[in-house]
Amino acid sequence: MNKMGLIFDEHIAGIYESWYHSPHGRAIDRSIERLVVSLLDPRPGERVLDVGCGAGNHLITFNRLGLDISGLDASSHMIAKARERLGRRCTLKVGMAQDLPFEDNEFDIVVMINTLEFLDDPLQALREAGRVAYKKVFIGVINSLSWHGLVKRIQGYFGDPLFGQCRFYNVWQLKFLLRAAVGRTPVSWACTRIRPSFMEDMRPFGREAWEWNRSPFGSFLGISASMTYRVRADGLPLKIRLKKPGQTLVGANTLGRLNRAEGGHGDERGVPV
């Protein structure tokens, strides 16, 4: 791993793709689509950037949802794979998550799915995601507090070439990082418990989500931050003495003209701003 994090070469990419197409990887993929729809409520035509898009697995899902898709990855090998699969349906760039080559607010949604775990500077990457996102930032990770997260960490300790270079996060750690990166914006999160496919077929999704989406121990964790910035005004002392209680600072005639100019009502006790 270099100072910019793990960049997937052909060997590491092959290991990741093997895991992604395993039963556990496929279950994670189904969970991701559910979490994206639940936490982001994406609308057809919205612009989405997948940071760390890899070979385009999640971009295909976003394209199916009708989104305007773009992808970025530090690996030219992975971008080439994604371009083979997506063609002209997607804008693809080689670049670093810590220095996104995009303008402020260029995308409605920015997603980082199984990306943050492989970055040496996750805070800077989240700052960049918040900079280019107009509406929401979505982070998806294998939950460190889950059984699956524990198994992957153990594999890493014993030299797994993929998970040995992976950081694992829980919901509280992601909340802390998001607050440090983008401030006190509204955050929502959910977890999914990965079940074998035959068990999922026997259990309605709605009931499963009701039982598990607020458990911090689910296998896959998704967290969404809304880019709604708040301004706090200092309370300054009023230095104008009013002659009598209830008197406004602006005369009635002036207030009426202001309200009519703004399309308001003449009896409103306030100045439009």
C-alpha atoms as a PDB file:
ATOM      1  CA  MET A   1       0.000   0.000   0.000  1.00  0.00           C
ATOM      2  CA  ASN A   2       1.416   3.396  -0.954  1.00  0.00           C
ATOM      3  CA  LYS A   3       0.656   6.715   0.673  1.00  0.00           C
ATOM      4  CA  MET A   4      -2.518   7.037  -1.408  1.00  0.00           C
ATOM      5  CA  GLY A   5      -3.909   3.647  -0.367  1.00  0.00           C
ATOM      6  CA  LEU A   6      -4.279   0.318  -2.105  1.00  0.00           C
ATOM      7  CA  ILE A   7      -4.447   0.590  -5.910  1.00  0.00           C
ATOM      8  CA  PHE A   8      -5.789  -2.586  -7.489  1.00  0.00           C
ATOM      9  CA  ASP A   9      -3.426  -4.135 -10.006  1.00  0.00           C
ATOM     10  CA  GLU A  10      -4.434  -7.088 -12.158  1.00  0.00           C
ATOM     11  CA  HIS A  11      -3.638  -9.594  -9.407  1.00  0.00           C
ATOM     12  CA  ILE A  12      -5.535  -7.802  -6.617  1.00  0.00           C
ATOM     13  CA  ALA A  13      -8.384  -7.011  -9.021  1.00  0.00           C
ATOM     14  CA  GLY A  14      -8.744 -10.713  -9.777  1.00  0.00           C
ATOM     15  CA  ILE A  15      -8.937 -11.539  -6.065  1.00  0.00           C
ATOM     16  CA  TYR A  16     -11.563  -8.837  -5.503  1.00  0.00           C
ATOM     17  CA  GLU A  17     -13.661  -9.988  -8.461  1.00  0.00           C
ATOM     18  CA  SER A  18     -13.514 -13.584  -7.186  1.00  0.00           C
ATOM     19  CA  TRP A  19     -14.792 -12.420  -3.799  1.00  0.00           C
ATOM     20  CA  TYR A  20     -17.423 -10.167  -5.400  1.00  0.00           C
ATOM     21  CA  HIS A  21     -18.866 -13.089  -7.387  1.00  0.00           C
ATOM     22  CA  SER A  22     -18.801 -15.451  -4.382  1.00  0.00           C
ATOM     23  CA  PRO A  23     -22.078 -16.198  -2.533  1.00  0.00           C
ATOM     24  CA  HIS A  24     -21.135 -13.675   0.151  1.00  0.00           C
ATOM     25  CA  GLY A  25     -20.155 -11.060  -2.425  1.00  0.00           C
ATOM     26  CA  ARG A  26     -23.426 -11.506  -4.315  1.00  0.00           C
ATOM     27  CA  ALA A  27     -25.358 -11.180  -1.067  1.00  0.00           C
ATOM     28  CA  ILE A  28     -23.480  -7.949  -0.332  1.00  0.00           C
ATOM     29  CA  ASP A  29     -24.391  -6.678  -3.808  1.00  0.00           C
ATOM     30  CA  ARG A  30     -28.097  -7.309  -3.204  1.00  0.00           C
ATOM     31  CA  SER A  31     -27.820  -5.498   0.115  1.00  0.00           C
ATOM     32  CA  ILE A  32     -26.147  -2.490  -1.501  1.00  0.00           C
ATOM     33  CA  GLU A  33     -29.013  -1.939  -3.924  1.00  0.00           C
ATOM     34  CA  ARG A  34     -31.529  -2.111  -1.073  1.00  0.00           C
ATOM     35  CA  LEU A  35     -29.563   0.341   1.036  1.00  0.00           C
ATOM     36  CA  VAL A  36     -29.069   2.768  -1.854  1.00  0.00           C
ATOM     37  CA  VAL A  37     -32.784   2.856  -2.617  1.00  0.00           C
ATOM     38  CA  SER A  38     -33.681   3.145   1.070  1.00  0.00           C
ATOM     39  CA  LEU A  39     -31.168   5.812   2.115  1.00  0.00           C
ATOM     40  CA  LEU A  40     -30.771   7.852  -1.065  1.00  0.00           C
ATOM     41  CA  ASP A  41     -34.178   7.586  -2.769  1.00  0.00           C
ATOM     42  CA  PRO A  42     -32.489   8.229  -6.143  1.00  0.00           C
ATOM     43  CA  ARG A  43     -34.493   9.806  -8.955  1.00  0.00           C
ATOM     44  CA  PRO A  44     -34.037   8.903 -12.633  1.00  0.00           C
ATOM     45  CA  GLY A  45     -31.689  11.357 -14.296  1.00  0.00           C
ATOM     46  CA  GLU A  46     -29.813  12.336 -11.138  1.00  0.00           C
ATOM     47  CA  ARG A  47     -26.037  12.527 -11.516  1.00  0.00           C
ATOM     48  CA  VAL A  48     -24.126   9.959  -9.461  1.00  0.00           C
ATOM     49  CA  LEU A  49     -20.361   9.555  -9.075  1.00  0.00           C
ATOM     50  CA  ASP A  50     -19.005   6.203  -7.893  1.00  0.00           C
ATOM     51  CA  VAL A  51     -15.621   6.860  -6.265  1.00  0.00           C
ATOM     52  CA  GLY A  52     -13.574   3.674  -6.375  1.00  0.00           C
ATOM     53  CA  CYS A  53     -15.865   2.234  -9.026  1.00  0.00           C
ATOM     54  CA  GLY A  54     -13.573  -0.692  -9.836  1.00  0.00           C
ATOM     55  CA  ALA A  55     -14.820  -2.732 -12.788  1.00  0.00           C
ATOM     56  CA  GLY A  56     -18.191  -0.978 -12.713  1.00  0.00           C
ATOM     57  CA  ASN A  57     -20.249  -3.503 -10.747  1.00  0.00           C
ATOM     58  CA  HIS A  58     -22.221  -0.861  -8.863  1.00  0.00           C
ATOM     59  CA  LEU A  59     -22.393   1.497 -11.828  1.00  0.00           C
ATOM     60  CA  ILE A  60     -24.418  -1.160 -13.637  1.00  0.00           C
ATOM     61  CA  THR A  61     -26.885  -1.114 -10.740  1.00  0.00           C
ATOM     62  CA  PHE A  62     -27.105   2.686 -10.811  1.00  0.00           C
ATOM     63  CA  ASN A  63     -27.618   2.619 -14.573  1.00  0.00           C
ATOM     64  CA  ARG A  64     -30.496   0.188 -14.096  1.00  0.00           C
ATOM     65  CA  LEU A  65     -32.042   2.693 -11.670  1.00  0.00           C
ATOM     66  CA  GLY A  66     -31.993   5.320 -14.416  1.00  0.00           C
ATOM     67  CA  LEU A  67     -29.201   7.490 -13.017  1.00  0.00           C
ATOM     68  CA  ASP A  68     -26.669   9.519 -15.004  1.00  0.00           C
ATOM     69  CA  ILE A  69     -23.537   7.575 -14.051  1.00  0.00           C
ATOM     70  CA  SER A  70     -19.867   8.515 -13.714  1.00  0.00           C
ATOM     71  CA  GLY A  71     -17.040   6.523 -12.185  1.00  0.00           C
ATOM     72  CA  LEU A  72     -13.537   7.165 -10.866  1.00  0.00           C
ATOM     73  CA  ASP A  73     -10.834   4.738  -9.797  1.00  0.00           C
ATOM     74  CA  ALA A  74      -7.131   4.996  -9.032  1.00  0.00           C
ATOM     75  CA  SER A  75      -6.450   1.860 -11.067  1.00  0.00           C
ATOM     76  CA  SER A  76      -6.200   2.282 -14.827  1.00  0.00           C
ATOM     77  CA  HIS A  77      -6.653  -1.487 -15.088  1.00  0.00           C
ATOM     78  CA  MET A  78     -10.039  -1.316 -13.324  1.00  0.00           C
ATOM     79  CA  ILE A  79     -11.175   1.671 -15.378  1.00  0.00           C
ATOM     80  CA  ALA A  80     -10.348  -0.250 -18.557  1.00  0.00           C
ATOM     81  CA  LYS A  81     -12.474  -3.158 -17.300  1.00  0.00           C
ATOM     82  CA  ALA A  82     -15.343  -0.810 -16.472  1.00  0.00           C
ATOM     83  CA  ARG A  83     -15.124   0.807 -19.903  1.00  0.00           C
ATOM     84  CA  GLU A  84     -15.356  -2.621 -21.562  1.00  0.00           C
ATOM     85  CA  ARG A  85     -18.573  -3.334 -19.654  1.00  0.00           C
ATOM     86  CA  LEU A  86     -20.263   0.068 -19.778  1.00  0.00           C
ATOM     87  CA  GLY A  87     -19.074   1.638 -23.011  1.00  0.00           C
ATOM     88  CA  ARG A  88     -20.605   5.041 -23.650  1.00  0.00           C
ATOM     89  CA  ARG A  89     -23.224   4.710 -20.936  1.00  0.00           C
ATOM     90  CA  CYS A  90     -20.776   6.061 -18.363  1.00  0.00           C
ATOM     91  CA  THR A  91     -18.126   8.761 -17.939  1.00  0.00           C
ATOM     92  CA  LEU A  92     -14.996   7.138 -16.480  1.00  0.00           C
ATOM     93  CA  LYS A  93     -11.802   8.716 -15.170  1.00  0.00           C
ATOM     94  CA  VAL A  94      -8.575   7.574 -13.535  1.00  0.00           C
ATOM     95  CA  GLY A  95      -8.004   9.633 -10.398  1.00  0.00           C
ATOM     96  CA  MET A  96      -7.583   9.728  -6.637  1.00  0.00           C
ATOM     97  CA  ALA A  97     -10.410   9.886  -4.113  1.00  0.00           C
ATOM     98  CA  GLN A  98      -8.408  12.438  -2.103  1.00  0.00           C
ATOM     99  CA  ASP A  99      -8.235  14.861  -5.066  1.00  0.00           C
ATOM    100  CA  LEU A 100     -11.316  14.491  -7.250  1.00  0.00           C
ATOM    101  CA  PRO A 101     -10.954  16.036 -10.735  1.00  0.00           C
ATOM    102  CA  PHE A 102     -14.447  17.539 -10.675  1.00  0.00           C
ATOM    103  CA  GLU A 103     -16.099  20.887  -9.975  1.00  0.00           C
ATOM    104  CA  ASP A 104     -17.929  21.762  -6.761  1.00  0.00           C
ATOM    105  CA  ASN A 105     -21.491  20.341  -6.647  1.00  0.00           C
ATOM    106  CA  GLU A 106     -21.008  18.614 -10.003  1.00  0.00           C
ATOM    107  CA  PHE A 107     -22.990  15.538  -8.920  1.00  0.00           C
ATOM    108  CA  ASP A 108     -26.260  15.048  -7.078  1.00  0.00           C
ATOM    109  CA  ILE A 109     -24.956  11.949  -5.290  1.00  0.00           C
ATOM    110  CA  VAL A 110     -21.457  10.652  -4.546  1.00  0.00           C
ATOM    111  CA  VAL A 111     -21.055   7.041  -3.431  1.00  0.00           C
ATOM    112  CA  MET A 112     -18.058   5.208  -2.007  1.00  0.00           C
ATOM    113  CA  ILE A 113     -18.776   1.488  -1.748  1.00  0.00           C
ATOM    114  CA  ASN A 114     -16.003  -0.710  -0.332  1.00  0.00           C
ATOM    115  CA  THR A 115     -13.637   2.158  -1.097  1.00  0.00           C
ATOM    116  CA  LEU A 116     -13.030   3.946   2.194  1.00  0.00           C
ATOM    117  CA  GLU A 117     -11.538   0.778   3.675  1.00  0.00           C
ATOM    118  CA  PHE A 118      -8.580   0.908   1.265  1.00  0.00           C
ATOM    119  CA  LEU A 119      -7.662   4.594   1.643  1.00  0.00           C
ATOM    120  CA  ASP A 120      -4.827   5.918   3.802  1.00  0.00           C
ATOM    121  CA  ASP A 121      -6.530   9.319   4.153  1.00  0.00           C
ATOM    122  CA  PRO A 122     -10.277   8.635   4.458  1.00  0.00           C
ATOM    123  CA  LEU A 123     -10.999  12.063   5.950  1.00  0.00           C
ATOM    124  CA  GLN A 124      -9.660  13.929   2.916  1.00  0.00           C
ATOM    125  CA  ALA A 125     -11.563  11.590   0.611  1.00  0.00           C
ATOM    126  CA  LEU A 126     -14.806  12.371   2.445  1.00  0.00           C
ATOM    127  CA  ARG A 127     -14.095  16.101   2.252  1.00  0.00           C
ATOM    128  CA  GLU A 128     -13.677  15.781  -1.497  1.00  0.00           C
ATOM    129  CA  ALA A 129     -16.865  13.737  -1.782  1.00  0.00           C
ATOM    130  CA  GLY A 130     -18.747  16.438   0.124  1.00  0.00           C
ATOM    131  CA  ARG A 131     -17.278  19.116  -2.117  1.00  0.00           C
ATOM    132  CA  VAL A 132     -18.497  17.620  -5.391  1.00  0.00           C
ATOM    133  CA  ALA A 133     -21.848  16.340  -4.039  1.00  0.00           C
ATOM    134  CA  TYR A 134     -24.871  18.627  -4.312  1.00  0.00           C
ATOM    135  CA  LYS A 135     -27.342  16.459  -2.385  1.00  0.00           C
ATOM    136  CA  LYS A 136     -25.936  13.381  -0.651  1.00  0.00           C
ATOM    137  CA  VAL A 137     -22.838  11.319   0.072  1.00  0.00           C
ATOM    138  CA  PHE A 138     -23.270   7.564   0.576  1.00  0.00           C
ATOM    139  CA  ILE A 139     -20.677   5.312   2.217  1.00  0.00           C
ATOM    140  CA  GLY A 140     -20.984   1.531   2.129  1.00  0.00           C
ATOM    141  CA  VAL A 141     -18.646  -0.779   4.075  1.00  0.00           C
ATOM    142  CA  ILE A 142     -18.442  -4.254   5.525  1.00  0.00           C
ATOM    143  CA  ASN A 143     -19.438  -3.657   9.139  1.00  0.00           C
ATOM    144  CA  SER A 144     -16.546  -4.222  11.559  1.00  0.00           C
ATOM    145  CA  LEU A 145     -19.020  -5.211  14.301  1.00  0.00           C
ATOM    146  CA  SER A 146     -20.558  -8.011  12.267  1.00  0.00           C
ATOM    147  CA  TRP A 147     -19.640 -11.664  12.109  1.00  0.00           C
ATOM    148  CA  HIS A 148     -18.612 -11.269   8.466  1.00  0.00           C
ATOM    149  CA  GLY A 149     -16.431  -8.295   9.360  1.00  0.00           C
ATOM    150  CA  LEU A 150     -14.700 -10.358  12.037  1.00  0.00           C
ATOM    151  CA  VAL A 151     -14.052 -13.199   9.585  1.00  0.00           C
ATOM    152  CA  LYS A 152     -12.527 -10.820   7.028  1.00  0.00           C
ATOM    153  CA  ARG A 153     -10.318  -9.224   9.680  1.00  0.00           C
ATOM    154  CA  ILE A 154      -9.042 -12.646  10.733  1.00  0.00           C
ATOM    155  CA  GLN A 155      -8.309 -13.451   7.101  1.00  0.00           C
ATOM    156  CA  GLY A 156      -6.353 -10.211   6.904  1.00  0.00           C
ATOM    157  CA  TYR A 157      -4.311 -11.095   9.977  1.00  0.00           C
ATOM    158  CA  PHE A 158      -3.301 -14.354   8.276  1.00  0.00           C
ATOM    159  CA  GLY A 159      -2.024 -12.616   5.161  1.00  0.00           C
ATOM    160  CA  ASP A 160      -5.020 -12.317   2.856  1.00  0.00           C
ATOM    161  CA  PRO A 161      -3.720 -10.030   0.052  1.00  0.00           C
ATOM    162  CA  LEU A 162      -7.003  -8.092  -0.134  1.00  0.00           C
ATOM    163  CA  PHE A 163      -8.367  -7.880   3.396  1.00  0.00           C
ATOM    164  CA  GLY A 164      -4.881  -7.691   4.892  1.00  0.00           C
ATOM    165  CA  GLN A 165      -4.712  -4.117   3.563  1.00  0.00           C
ATOM    166  CA  CYS A 166      -8.240  -3.188   4.547  1.00  0.00           C
ATOM    167  CA  ARG A 167      -9.505  -0.987   7.380  1.00  0.00           C
ATOM    168  CA  PHE A 168     -12.868  -1.853   8.877  1.00  0.00           C
ATOM    169  CA  TYR A 169     -15.432   0.631  10.192  1.00  0.00           C
ATOM    170  CA  ASN A 170     -18.569   0.666  12.312  1.00  0.00           C
ATOM    171  CA  VAL A 171     -21.427   3.172  12.278  1.00  0.00           C
ATOM    172  CA  TRP A 172     -19.987   5.386  15.040  1.00  0.00           C
ATOM    173  CA  GLN A 173     -16.611   5.663  13.331  1.00  0.00           C
ATOM    174  CA  LEU A 174     -18.258   6.632  10.037  1.00  0.00           C
ATOM    175  CA  LYS A 175     -20.437   9.227  11.769  1.00  0.00           C
ATOM    176  CA  PHE A 176     -17.331  10.742  13.354  1.00  0.00           C
ATOM    177  CA  LEU A 177     -15.486  10.885  10.026  1.00  0.00           C
ATOM    178  CA  LEU A 178     -18.466  12.403   8.208  1.00  0.00           C
ATOM    179  CA  ARG A 179     -18.929  15.068  10.859  1.00  0.00           C
ATOM    180  CA  ALA A 180     -15.229  15.953  10.669  1.00  0.00           C
ATOM    181  CA  ALA A 181     -15.381  16.071   6.863  1.00  0.00           C
ATOM    182  CA  VAL A 182     -18.673  17.836   6.069  1.00  0.00           C
ATOM    183  CA  GLY A 183     -19.898  19.207   9.400  1.00  0.00           C
ATOM    184  CA  ARG A 184     -23.135  18.625  11.301  1.00  0.00           C
ATOM    185  CA  THR A 185     -25.286  17.579   8.364  1.00  0.00           C
ATOM    186  CA  PRO A 186     -28.243  15.169   8.662  1.00  0.00           C
ATOM    187  CA  VAL A 187     -27.075  11.553   8.638  1.00  0.00           C
ATOM    188  CA  SER A 188     -29.074   8.343   8.212  1.00  0.00           C
ATOM    189  CA  TRP A 189     -27.808   4.783   8.275  1.00  0.00           C
ATOM    190  CA  ALA A 190     -28.908   1.186   7.996  1.00  0.00           C
ATOM    191  CA  CYS A 191     -27.406  -2.283   8.148  1.00  0.00           C
ATOM    192  CA  THR A 192     -28.383  -5.467   6.385  1.00  0.00           C
ATOM    193  CA  ARG A 193     -27.879  -8.958   7.670  1.00  0.00           C
ATOM    194  CA  ILE A 194     -26.547 -11.203   4.950  1.00  0.00           C
ATOM    195  CA  ARG A 195     -28.555 -14.404   4.627  1.00  0.00           C
ATOM    196  CA  PRO A 196     -28.154 -17.311   2.216  1.00  0.00           C
ATOM    197  CA  SER A 197     -30.181 -16.701  -0.935  1.00  0.00           C
ATOM    198  CA  PHE A 198     -32.639 -19.547  -0.231  1.00  0.00           C
ATOM    199  CA  MET A 199     -33.484 -17.940   3.147  1.00  0.00           C
ATOM    200  CA  GLU A 200     -34.010 -14.539   1.534  1.00  0.00           C
ATOM    201  CA  ASP A 201     -36.443 -16.129  -0.913  1.00  0.00           C
ATOM    202  CA  MET A 202     -38.459 -17.472   2.035  1.00  0.00           C
ATOM    203  CA  ARG A 203     -38.646 -14.157   3.903  1.00  0.00           C
ATOM    204  CA  PRO A 204     -40.319 -10.951   2.625  1.00  0.00           C
ATOM    205  CA  PHE A 205     -37.831  -8.108   2.282  1.00  0.00           C
ATOM    206  CA  GLY A 206     -40.078  -5.655   4.108  1.00  0.00           C
ATOM    207  CA  ARG A 207     -40.127  -7.741   7.268  1.00  0.00           C
ATOM    208  CA  GLU A 208     -36.385  -8.387   7.120  1.00  0.00           C
ATOM    209  CA  ALA A 209     -35.644  -4.675   6.763  1.00  0.00           C
ATOM    210  CA  TRP A 210     -37.905  -3.838   9.703  1.00  0.00           C
ATOM    211  CA  GLU A 211     -36.019  -6.202  11.964  1.00  0.00           C
ATOM    212  CA  TRP A 212     -32.476  -5.514  10.854  1.00  0.00           C
ATOM    213  CA  ASN A 213     -32.021  -2.090   9.318  1.00  0.00           C
ATOM    214  CA  ARG A 214     -31.358  -0.390  12.681  1.00  0.00           C
ATOM    215  CA  SER A 215     -29.104  -3.084  14.078  1.00  0.00           C
ATOM    216  CA  PRO A 216     -25.487  -1.847  14.287  1.00  0.00           C
ATOM    217  CA  PHE A 217     -24.304  -5.450  13.924  1.00  0.00           C
ATOM    218  CA  GLY A 218     -25.558  -6.152  10.401  1.00  0.00           C
ATOM    219  CA  SER A 219     -23.117  -7.514   7.848  1.00  0.00           C
ATOM    220  CA  PHE A 220     -23.102  -4.527   5.497  1.00  0.00           C
ATOM    221  CA  LEU A 221     -23.393  -0.927   6.681  1.00  0.00           C
ATOM    222  CA  GLY A 222     -24.640   1.993   4.628  1.00  0.00           C
ATOM    223  CA  ILE A 223     -24.623   5.610   5.793  1.00  0.00           C
ATOM    224  CA  SER A 224     -25.881   8.686   3.953  1.00  0.00           C
ATOM    225  CA  ALA A 225     -25.083  12.341   4.699  1.00  0.00           C
ATOM    226  CA  SER A 226     -27.295  15.092   3.262  1.00  0.00           C
ATOM    227  CA  MET A 227     -25.395  18.134   2.071  1.00  0.00           C
ATOM    228  CA  THR A 228     -27.623  20.581   3.963  1.00  0.00           C
ATOM    229  CA  TYR A 229     -25.364  23.159   5.537  1.00  0.00           C
ATOM    230  CA  ARG A 230     -26.631  25.083   8.525  1.00  0.00           C
ATOM    231  CA  VAL A 231     -25.759  28.615   9.571  1.00  0.00           C
ATOM    232  CA  ARG A 232     -25.768  29.621  13.230  1.00  0.00           C
ATOM    233  CA  ALA A 233     -26.418  33.304  13.937  1.00  0.00           C
ATOM    234  CA  ASP A 234     -24.940  34.977  16.999  1.00  0.00           C
ATOM    235  CA  GLY A 235     -27.413  36.643  19.327  1.00  0.00           C
ATOM    236  CA  LEU A 236     -26.537  40.356  19.230  1.00  0.00           C
ATOM    237  CA  PRO A 237     -28.016  42.863  21.702  1.00  0.00           C
ATOM    238  CA  LEU A 238     -30.626  45.275  20.306  1.00  0.00           C
ATOM    239  CA  LYS A 239     -29.321  48.816  20.794  1.00  0.00           C
ATOM    240  CA  ILE A 240     -32.485  50.636  19.672  1.00  0.00           C
ATOM    241  CA  ARG A 241     -34.899  51.551  22.447  1.00  0.00           C
ATOM    242  CA  LEU A 242     -38.540  51.052  21.488  1.00  0.00           C
ATOM    243  CA  LYS A 243     -41.019  53.692  22.648  1.00  0.00           C
ATOM    244  CA  LYS A 244     -43.692  51.205  23.622  1.00  0.00           C
ATOM    245  CA  PRO A 245     -44.124  47.435  23.777  1.00  0.00           C
ATOM    246  CA  GLY A 246     -45.012  45.801  20.483  1.00  0.00           C
ATOM    247  CA  GLN A 247     -43.652  48.655  18.359  1.00  0.00           C
ATOM    248  CA  THR A 248     -41.919  47.505  15.169  1.00  0.00           C
ATOM    249  CA  LEU A 249     -38.589  48.852  14.001  1.00  0.00           C
ATOM    250  CA  VAL A 250     -40.068  49.621  10.591  1.00  0.00           C
ATOM    251  CA  GLY A 251     -43.050  51.902  10.155  1.00  0.00           C
ATOM    252  CA  ALA A 252     -46.368  50.462   8.994  1.00  0.00           C
ATOM    253  CA  ASN A 253     -46.317  52.255   5.639  1.00  0.00           C
ATOM    254  CA  THR A 254     -42.750  51.168   4.904  1.00  0.00           C
ATOM    255  CA  LEU A 255     -43.507  47.603   5.985  1.00  0.00           C
ATOM    256  CA  GLY A 256     -46.545  47.480   3.733  1.00  0.00           C
ATOM    257  CA  ARG A 257     -44.571  48.648   0.716  1.00  0.00           C
ATOM    258  CA  LEU A 258     -41.851  46.075   1.401  1.00  0.00           C
ATOM    259  CA  ASN A 259     -44.356  43.258   1.712  1.00  0.00           C
ATOM    260  CA  ARG A 260     -46.227  44.245  -1.441  1.00  0.00           C
ATOM    261  CA  ALA A 261     -42.933  44.422  -3.346  1.00  0.00           C
ATOM    262  CA  GLU A 262     -42.087  40.896  -2.165  1.00  0.00           C
ATOM    263  CA  GLY A 263     -45.577  39.554  -2.841  1.00  0.00           C
ATOM    264  CA  GLY A 264     -46.393  39.278   0.867  1.00  0.00           C
ATOM    265  CA  HIS A 265     -49.356  40.401   2.973  1.00  0.00           C
ATOM    266  CA  GLY A 266     -49.598  43.892   4.356  1.00  0.00           C
ATOM    267  CA  ASP A 267     -50.344  42.801   7.900  1.00  0.00           C
ATOM    268  CA  GLU A 268     -47.257  40.598   8.363  1.00  0.00           C
ATOM    269  CA  ARG A 269     -45.041  41.837  11.171  1.00  0.00           C
ATOM    270  CA  GLY A 270     -41.680  41.142   9.617  1.00  0.00           C
ATOM    271  CA  VAL A 271     -39.315  42.293   6.947  1.00  0.00           C
ATOM    272  CA  PRO A 272     -38.644  39.890   4.056  1.00  0.00           C
ATOM    273  CA  VAL A 273     -35.009  38.827   3.804  1.00  0.00           C
END
